[in-house]
């Protein structure tokens, strides 16, 4: 079996975070309703905050 090819946008960096039970419930709710992974929801939120910061 050959190794999986790397994409041009590989995600090599990891970051751990702590969240409350309420925040975890919100994350899981978003995942369920939007049919996204936790990582996708978090990246989407990061993108939204980045765009907001660019406007300041």
N, C-alpha and C. Protein backbone atom coordinates (compact mmCIF):
# COMPACT_ATOMS: atom_id res chain seq x y z
N UNK A 1 0.85 -1.18 0.00
CA UNK A 1 0.00 0.00 0.00
C UNK A 1 0.90 1.24 0.00
N UNK A 2 0.62 2.15 -0.91
CA UNK A 2 1.42 3.37 -0.98
C UNK A 2 0.88 4.41 0.01
N UNK A 3 1.76 5.31 0.47
CA UNK A 3 1.30 6.34 1.42
C UNK A 3 0.31 7.30 0.77
N UNK A 4 -0.51 7.85 1.61
CA UNK A 4 -1.52 8.81 1.15
C UNK A 4 -0.82 10.05 0.61
N UNK A 5 -1.22 10.54 -0.57
CA UNK A 5 -0.58 11.75 -1.10
C UNK A 5 -0.92 12.98 -0.27
N UNK A 6 0.04 13.83 -0.12
CA UNK A 6 -0.17 15.06 0.66
C UNK A 6 -0.83 16.12 -0.22
N UNK A 7 -1.74 16.84 0.37
CA UNK A 7 -2.38 17.92 -0.36
C UNK A 7 -1.53 19.18 -0.23
N UNK A 8 -1.82 20.16 -1.08
CA UNK A 8 -1.10 21.43 -1.00
C UNK A 8 -1.49 22.20 0.26
N UNK A 9 -2.63 21.85 0.84
CA UNK A 9 -3.14 22.55 2.02
C UNK A 9 -3.17 21.59 3.21
N UNK A 10 -2.05 20.88 3.41
CA UNK A 10 -2.03 19.90 4.49
C UNK A 10 -2.12 20.59 5.84
N UNK A 11 -2.74 19.92 6.78
CA UNK A 11 -2.96 20.48 8.11
C UNK A 11 -2.03 19.76 9.08
N UNK A 12 -0.82 20.25 9.20
CA UNK A 12 0.20 19.62 10.03
C UNK A 12 0.18 20.11 11.46
N UNK A 13 -0.44 21.24 11.71
CA UNK A 13 -0.42 21.84 13.03
C UNK A 13 -1.62 21.41 13.85
N UNK A 14 -1.38 21.19 15.13
CA UNK A 14 -2.45 20.81 16.04
C UNK A 14 -2.53 21.84 17.16
N UNK A 15 -3.75 21.99 17.69
CA UNK A 15 -3.97 22.89 18.82
C UNK A 15 -5.05 22.29 19.70
N UNK A 16 -4.79 22.20 20.98
CA UNK A 16 -5.79 21.68 21.92
C UNK A 16 -6.41 22.84 22.66
N UNK A 17 -7.68 22.72 23.00
CA UNK A 17 -8.32 23.77 23.77
C UNK A 17 -9.28 23.17 24.78
N UNK A 18 -9.52 23.93 25.80
CA UNK A 18 -10.46 23.52 26.84
C UNK A 18 -11.74 24.29 26.63
N UNK A 19 -12.87 23.62 26.87
CA UNK A 19 -14.16 24.29 26.75
C UNK A 19 -15.11 23.77 27.81
N UNK A 20 -16.08 24.58 28.11
CA UNK A 20 -17.09 24.20 29.10
C UNK A 20 -18.04 23.17 28.49
N UNK A 21 -18.84 22.57 29.35
CA UNK A 21 -19.87 21.63 28.87
C UNK A 21 -20.82 22.33 27.91
N UNK A 22 -21.18 23.56 28.23
CA UNK A 22 -22.10 24.33 27.38
C UNK A 22 -21.49 24.61 26.01
N UNK A 23 -20.22 24.97 25.99
CA UNK A 23 -19.55 25.22 24.71
C UNK A 23 -19.45 23.95 23.88
N UNK A 24 -19.19 22.83 24.52
CA UNK A 24 -19.12 21.55 23.81
C UNK A 24 -20.49 21.19 23.23
N UNK A 25 -21.55 21.42 23.98
CA UNK A 25 -22.90 21.16 23.48
C UNK A 25 -23.21 22.02 22.26
N UNK A 26 -22.79 23.28 22.29
CA UNK A 26 -22.99 24.17 21.14
C UNK A 26 -22.23 23.67 19.93
N UNK A 27 -21.00 23.23 20.14
CA UNK A 27 -20.18 22.71 19.04
C UNK A 27 -20.82 21.46 18.44
N UNK A 28 -21.24 20.55 19.29
CA UNK A 28 -21.87 19.32 18.82
C UNK A 28 -23.20 19.60 18.11
N UNK A 29 -23.95 20.58 18.60
CA UNK A 29 -25.20 20.98 17.95
C UNK A 29 -24.92 21.49 16.53
N UNK A 30 -23.93 22.37 16.42
CA UNK A 30 -23.57 22.90 15.09
C UNK A 30 -23.14 21.78 14.15
N UNK A 31 -22.36 20.85 14.65
CA UNK A 31 -21.91 19.73 13.83
C UNK A 31 -23.09 18.92 13.31
N UNK A 32 -24.02 18.65 14.20
CA UNK A 32 -25.18 17.84 13.84
C UNK A 32 -26.07 18.56 12.81
N UNK A 33 -26.35 19.83 13.05
CA UNK A 33 -27.26 20.58 12.17
C UNK A 33 -26.63 20.92 10.83
N UNK A 34 -25.32 21.20 10.84
CA UNK A 34 -24.65 21.62 9.61
C UNK A 34 -23.95 20.47 8.89
N UNK A 35 -23.99 19.28 9.49
CA UNK A 35 -23.33 18.10 8.93
C UNK A 35 -21.84 18.36 8.65
N UNK A 36 -21.18 18.95 9.65
CA UNK A 36 -19.76 19.25 9.57
C UNK A 36 -19.04 18.57 10.73
N UNK A 37 -17.73 18.42 10.58
CA UNK A 37 -16.93 17.90 11.68
C UNK A 37 -16.64 19.02 12.67
N UNK A 38 -16.19 18.67 13.84
CA UNK A 38 -15.82 19.68 14.84
C UNK A 38 -14.73 20.59 14.28
N UNK A 39 -13.76 19.99 13.61
CA UNK A 39 -12.68 20.79 13.03
C UNK A 39 -13.21 21.78 12.00
N UNK A 40 -14.14 21.34 11.17
CA UNK A 40 -14.71 22.23 10.15
C UNK A 40 -15.46 23.39 10.79
N UNK A 41 -16.21 23.13 11.85
CA UNK A 41 -16.95 24.20 12.53
C UNK A 41 -15.97 25.19 13.16
N UNK A 42 -14.94 24.69 13.80
CA UNK A 42 -13.96 25.57 14.45
C UNK A 42 -13.22 26.39 13.40
N UNK A 43 -12.81 25.76 12.29
CA UNK A 43 -12.12 26.51 11.23
C UNK A 43 -13.02 27.59 10.64
N UNK A 44 -14.31 27.26 10.48
CA UNK A 44 -15.26 28.24 9.95
C UNK A 44 -15.38 29.43 10.89
N UNK A 45 -15.44 29.16 12.19
CA UNK A 45 -15.50 30.24 13.17
C UNK A 45 -14.24 31.08 13.16
N UNK A 46 -13.09 30.45 12.99
CA UNK A 46 -11.82 31.16 12.91
C UNK A 46 -11.81 32.06 11.68
N UNK A 47 -12.27 31.53 10.55
CA UNK A 47 -12.34 32.33 9.33
C UNK A 47 -13.24 33.55 9.51
N UNK A 48 -14.39 33.36 10.17
CA UNK A 48 -15.31 34.47 10.40
C UNK A 48 -14.67 35.54 11.29
N UNK A 49 -13.99 35.13 12.33
CA UNK A 49 -13.34 36.09 13.22
C UNK A 49 -12.17 36.78 12.53
N UNK A 50 -11.45 36.06 11.68
CA UNK A 50 -10.34 36.66 10.92
C UNK A 50 -10.87 37.74 9.99
N UNK A 51 -11.96 37.46 9.29
CA UNK A 51 -12.56 38.46 8.40
C UNK A 51 -13.03 39.69 9.18
N UNK A 52 -13.58 39.47 10.36
CA UNK A 52 -14.02 40.57 11.21
C UNK A 52 -12.83 41.42 11.65
N UNK A 53 -11.73 40.76 12.00
CA UNK A 53 -10.53 41.47 12.44
C UNK A 53 -9.91 42.28 11.30
N UNK A 54 -10.00 41.78 10.09
CA UNK A 54 -9.45 42.51 8.93
C UNK A 54 -10.18 43.83 8.71
N UNK A 55 -11.43 43.90 9.09
CA UNK A 55 -12.23 45.10 8.85
C UNK A 55 -11.96 46.19 9.88
N UNK A 56 -11.25 45.86 10.94
CA UNK A 56 -10.96 46.88 11.98
C UNK A 56 -9.76 47.70 11.64
